[in-house]
């Protein structure tokens, strides 16, 4: 069955997002230190990644491809699907708020640090809980309930909207973003 390929794409993308979120939290623990320009640059790149890929590719693929098929196959999961869909709808606004709060901290100073840190921690908790719900409640149900035709359609749809951080064929246009995140994040979090 082709199903596990789509499920692996979803799990890989969740893993990439989780790695960025964990790195963001570790960066917050470290703080700007002696390199505030580098610190803010890396956090901006991380938030841009979250806004660019999970919000614009990953969530729409789940909402438009997986959720409708799963709702038809398992109507009992509608409350979970509706909750996750509400998370998707709120996600873009929340990441944009984080981008604004980060800019305020960078431009206005330390008085704006606590609001950013609080919002960033809350966002990470929200996102980790969202991914756990998908992986624990929806993906096993999808694997057990969807048929070969469903999986073939999902495979085609998810292949078209892959997150460049996890795709086997990298989009060179985004190499600069990944390099900024990976090389700009100081060790032991990153390699910078």
Protein backbone atom coordinates (compact mmCIF):
# COMPACT_ATOMS: atom_id res chain seq x y z
CA UNK A 1 0.00 0.00 0.00
CA UNK A 2 1.24 3.49 -0.81
CA UNK A 3 -0.17 4.96 2.42
CA UNK A 4 2.94 4.84 4.52
CA UNK A 5 4.71 7.17 2.04
CA UNK A 6 2.25 9.99 2.79
CA UNK A 7 2.39 9.21 6.48
CA UNK A 8 6.19 9.35 6.35
CA UNK A 9 6.06 12.73 4.60
CA UNK A 10 3.84 14.04 7.39
CA UNK A 11 6.07 12.62 10.11
CA UNK A 12 9.21 13.98 8.43
CA UNK A 13 7.65 17.43 8.15
CA UNK A 14 6.56 17.30 11.78
CA UNK A 15 10.11 16.35 12.70
CA UNK A 16 11.54 19.32 10.81
CA UNK A 17 9.11 21.75 12.43
CA UNK A 18 9.78 20.25 15.87
CA UNK A 19 13.54 20.66 15.37
CA UNK A 20 13.10 24.33 14.49
CA UNK A 21 10.79 24.91 17.46
CA UNK A 22 13.17 23.17 19.89
CA UNK A 23 16.05 25.24 18.50
CA UNK A 24 14.00 28.41 18.94
CA UNK A 25 13.36 27.51 22.60
CA UNK A 26 17.05 26.78 23.15
CA UNK A 27 17.97 30.09 21.55
CA UNK A 28 15.62 31.84 23.96
CA UNK A 29 17.32 30.16 26.91
CA UNK A 30 20.70 31.38 25.68
CA UNK A 31 19.52 34.87 24.81
CA UNK A 32 21.28 37.30 22.48
CA UNK A 33 24.53 37.33 24.45
CA UNK A 34 27.37 39.18 22.75
CA UNK A 35 25.94 38.63 19.26
CA UNK A 36 22.47 40.19 19.19
CA UNK A 37 22.50 40.71 15.41
CA UNK A 38 23.17 37.03 14.81
CA UNK A 39 20.61 36.02 17.46
CA UNK A 40 17.79 38.09 15.94
CA UNK A 41 18.76 37.08 12.41
CA UNK A 42 18.48 33.37 13.27
CA UNK A 43 15.16 33.80 15.11
CA UNK A 44 13.75 35.78 12.17
CA UNK A 45 14.84 32.98 9.81
CA UNK A 46 13.19 30.35 12.03
CA UNK A 47 9.92 32.26 12.18
CA UNK A 48 10.04 32.87 8.43
CA UNK A 49 10.47 29.12 7.89
CA UNK A 50 7.44 28.38 10.09
CA UNK A 51 5.38 30.99 8.26
CA UNK A 52 6.58 29.93 4.81
CA UNK A 53 6.31 26.14 4.98
CA UNK A 54 4.13 24.68 7.74
CA UNK A 55 1.59 27.48 7.47
CA UNK A 56 1.49 27.76 3.66
CA UNK A 57 2.20 24.18 2.52
CA UNK A 58 1.93 21.59 5.28
CA UNK A 59 -1.29 22.75 6.94
CA UNK A 60 -3.17 23.39 3.68
CA UNK A 61 -2.19 19.93 2.45
CA UNK A 62 -3.56 18.35 5.62
CA UNK A 63 -6.70 20.50 5.55
CA UNK A 64 -7.44 20.08 1.84
CA UNK A 65 -6.26 16.52 1.24
CA UNK A 66 -6.08 14.38 4.37
CA UNK A 67 -8.82 15.79 6.61
CA UNK A 68 -11.68 15.47 4.06
CA UNK A 69 -10.79 11.85 3.25
CA UNK A 70 -10.50 10.99 6.91
CA UNK A 71 -13.76 12.75 7.76
CA UNK A 72 -15.59 10.65 5.14
CA UNK A 73 -13.98 7.42 6.29
CA UNK A 74 -14.22 8.15 10.02
CA UNK A 75 -16.99 10.66 10.83
CA UNK A 76 -16.45 9.88 14.53
CA UNK A 77 -13.19 11.84 14.26
CA UNK A 78 -14.91 15.10 13.25
CA UNK A 79 -14.40 16.74 16.67
CA UNK A 80 -10.64 16.08 16.44
CA UNK A 81 -10.50 17.22 12.81
CA UNK A 82 -12.42 20.39 13.64
CA UNK A 83 -10.08 21.16 16.56
CA UNK A 84 -7.00 20.63 14.38
CA UNK A 85 -8.52 22.69 11.58
CA UNK A 86 -9.12 25.52 14.08
CA UNK A 87 -5.44 25.25 15.02
CA UNK A 88 -4.50 25.59 11.34
CA UNK A 89 -6.70 28.65 11.00
CA UNK A 90 -5.09 30.30 14.05
CA UNK A 91 -1.51 29.32 13.23
CA UNK A 92 -0.66 31.92 10.62
CA UNK A 93 -1.88 34.78 12.80
CA UNK A 94 0.07 33.47 15.76
CA UNK A 95 3.35 33.21 13.84
CA UNK A 96 2.85 36.69 12.40
CA UNK A 97 2.31 38.00 15.94
CA UNK A 98 5.59 36.34 16.96
CA UNK A 99 7.39 38.02 14.06
CA UNK A 100 6.05 41.39 15.20
CA UNK A 101 6.96 40.77 18.85
CA UNK A 102 10.48 39.74 17.84
CA UNK A 103 10.93 42.89 15.79
CA UNK A 104 9.69 44.97 18.71
CA UNK A 105 12.24 43.32 21.01
CA UNK A 106 15.02 43.86 18.49
CA UNK A 107 14.18 47.51 17.75
CA UNK A 108 12.81 48.76 21.06
CA UNK A 109 14.86 46.69 23.47
CA UNK A 110 14.70 44.55 26.57
CA UNK A 111 11.29 45.85 27.70
CA UNK A 112 9.84 43.92 24.76
CA UNK A 113 11.68 40.68 25.52
CA UNK A 114 9.17 39.18 28.02
CA UNK A 115 6.15 39.46 25.67
CA UNK A 116 8.08 37.74 22.88
CA UNK A 117 9.43 34.99 25.10
CA UNK A 118 6.00 34.31 26.61
CA UNK A 119 4.30 34.21 23.21
CA UNK A 120 7.08 32.05 21.70
CA UNK A 121 6.85 29.48 24.50
CA UNK A 122 3.05 29.40 24.24
CA UNK A 123 3.27 28.98 20.46
CA UNK A 124 5.74 26.11 20.76
CA UNK A 125 3.53 24.35 23.32
CA UNK A 126 0.51 24.89 21.05
CA UNK A 127 2.35 23.51 18.02
CA UNK A 128 3.83 20.49 19.83
CA UNK A 129 0.34 19.60 21.16
CA UNK A 130 -1.10 20.00 17.66
CA UNK A 131 1.45 17.64 16.12
CA UNK A 132 1.00 15.10 18.94
CA UNK A 133 -2.76 15.07 18.34
CA UNK A 134 -2.29 14.51 14.61
CA UNK A 135 0.22 11.73 15.12
CA UNK A 136 -1.65 9.99 17.94
CA UNK A 137 -5.25 10.46 16.83
CA UNK A 138 -5.39 10.99 13.07
CA UNK A 139 -2.47 9.26 11.41
CA UNK A 140 -3.16 5.81 12.91
CA UNK A 141 -6.83 6.19 12.00
CA UNK A 142 -5.91 7.18 8.46
CA UNK A 143 -3.58 4.21 8.09
CA UNK A 144 -6.30 1.83 9.26
CA UNK A 145 -9.24 3.41 7.42
CA UNK A 146 -8.17 4.73 4.02
CA UNK A 147 -7.97 2.59 0.93
CA UNK A 148 -5.41 2.27 -1.88
CA UNK A 149 -7.11 4.88 -4.08
CA UNK A 150 -7.15 7.35 -1.18
CA UNK A 151 -3.44 6.78 -0.57
CA UNK A 152 -2.59 7.17 -4.26
CA UNK A 153 -4.39 10.53 -4.32
CA UNK A 154 -2.76 11.62 -1.05
CA UNK A 155 0.68 10.58 -2.27
CA UNK A 156 0.28 12.69 -5.39
CA UNK A 157 -1.04 15.69 -3.46
CA UNK A 158 1.57 15.61 -0.73
CA UNK A 159 4.41 15.11 -3.22
CA UNK A 160 3.44 18.39 -4.88
CA UNK A 161 3.67 20.47 -1.70
CA UNK A 162 6.74 19.13 0.09
CA UNK A 163 8.55 21.12 2.72
CA UNK A 164 11.96 21.90 1.18
CA UNK A 165 13.63 21.16 4.52
CA UNK A 166 12.55 17.52 4.27
CA UNK A 167 12.25 17.00 0.50
CA UNK A 168 14.75 14.72 -1.18
CA UNK A 169 15.07 17.20 -4.05
CA UNK A 170 16.05 20.53 -2.51
CA UNK A 171 14.84 23.85 -3.86
CA UNK A 172 18.05 25.88 -4.27
CA UNK A 173 16.06 29.07 -3.71
CA UNK A 174 15.69 28.10 -0.06
CA UNK A 175 19.27 26.98 0.59
CA UNK A 176 20.12 30.43 1.92
CA UNK A 177 17.33 30.18 4.51
CA UNK A 178 18.45 26.74 5.69
CA UNK A 179 22.07 27.83 5.80
CA UNK A 180 21.13 30.86 7.87
CA UNK A 181 19.25 28.71 10.37
CA UNK A 182 21.76 25.87 10.63
CA UNK A 183 25.02 27.83 10.42
CA UNK A 184 23.75 30.89 12.24
CA UNK A 185 22.52 29.00 15.27
CA UNK A 186 25.36 28.76 17.76
CA UNK A 187 26.62 25.41 19.03
CA UNK A 188 25.48 23.24 20.69
CA UNK A 189 22.07 24.09 19.17
CA UNK A 190 23.37 24.49 15.61
CA UNK A 191 26.75 24.33 13.97
CA UNK A 192 27.45 28.09 13.93
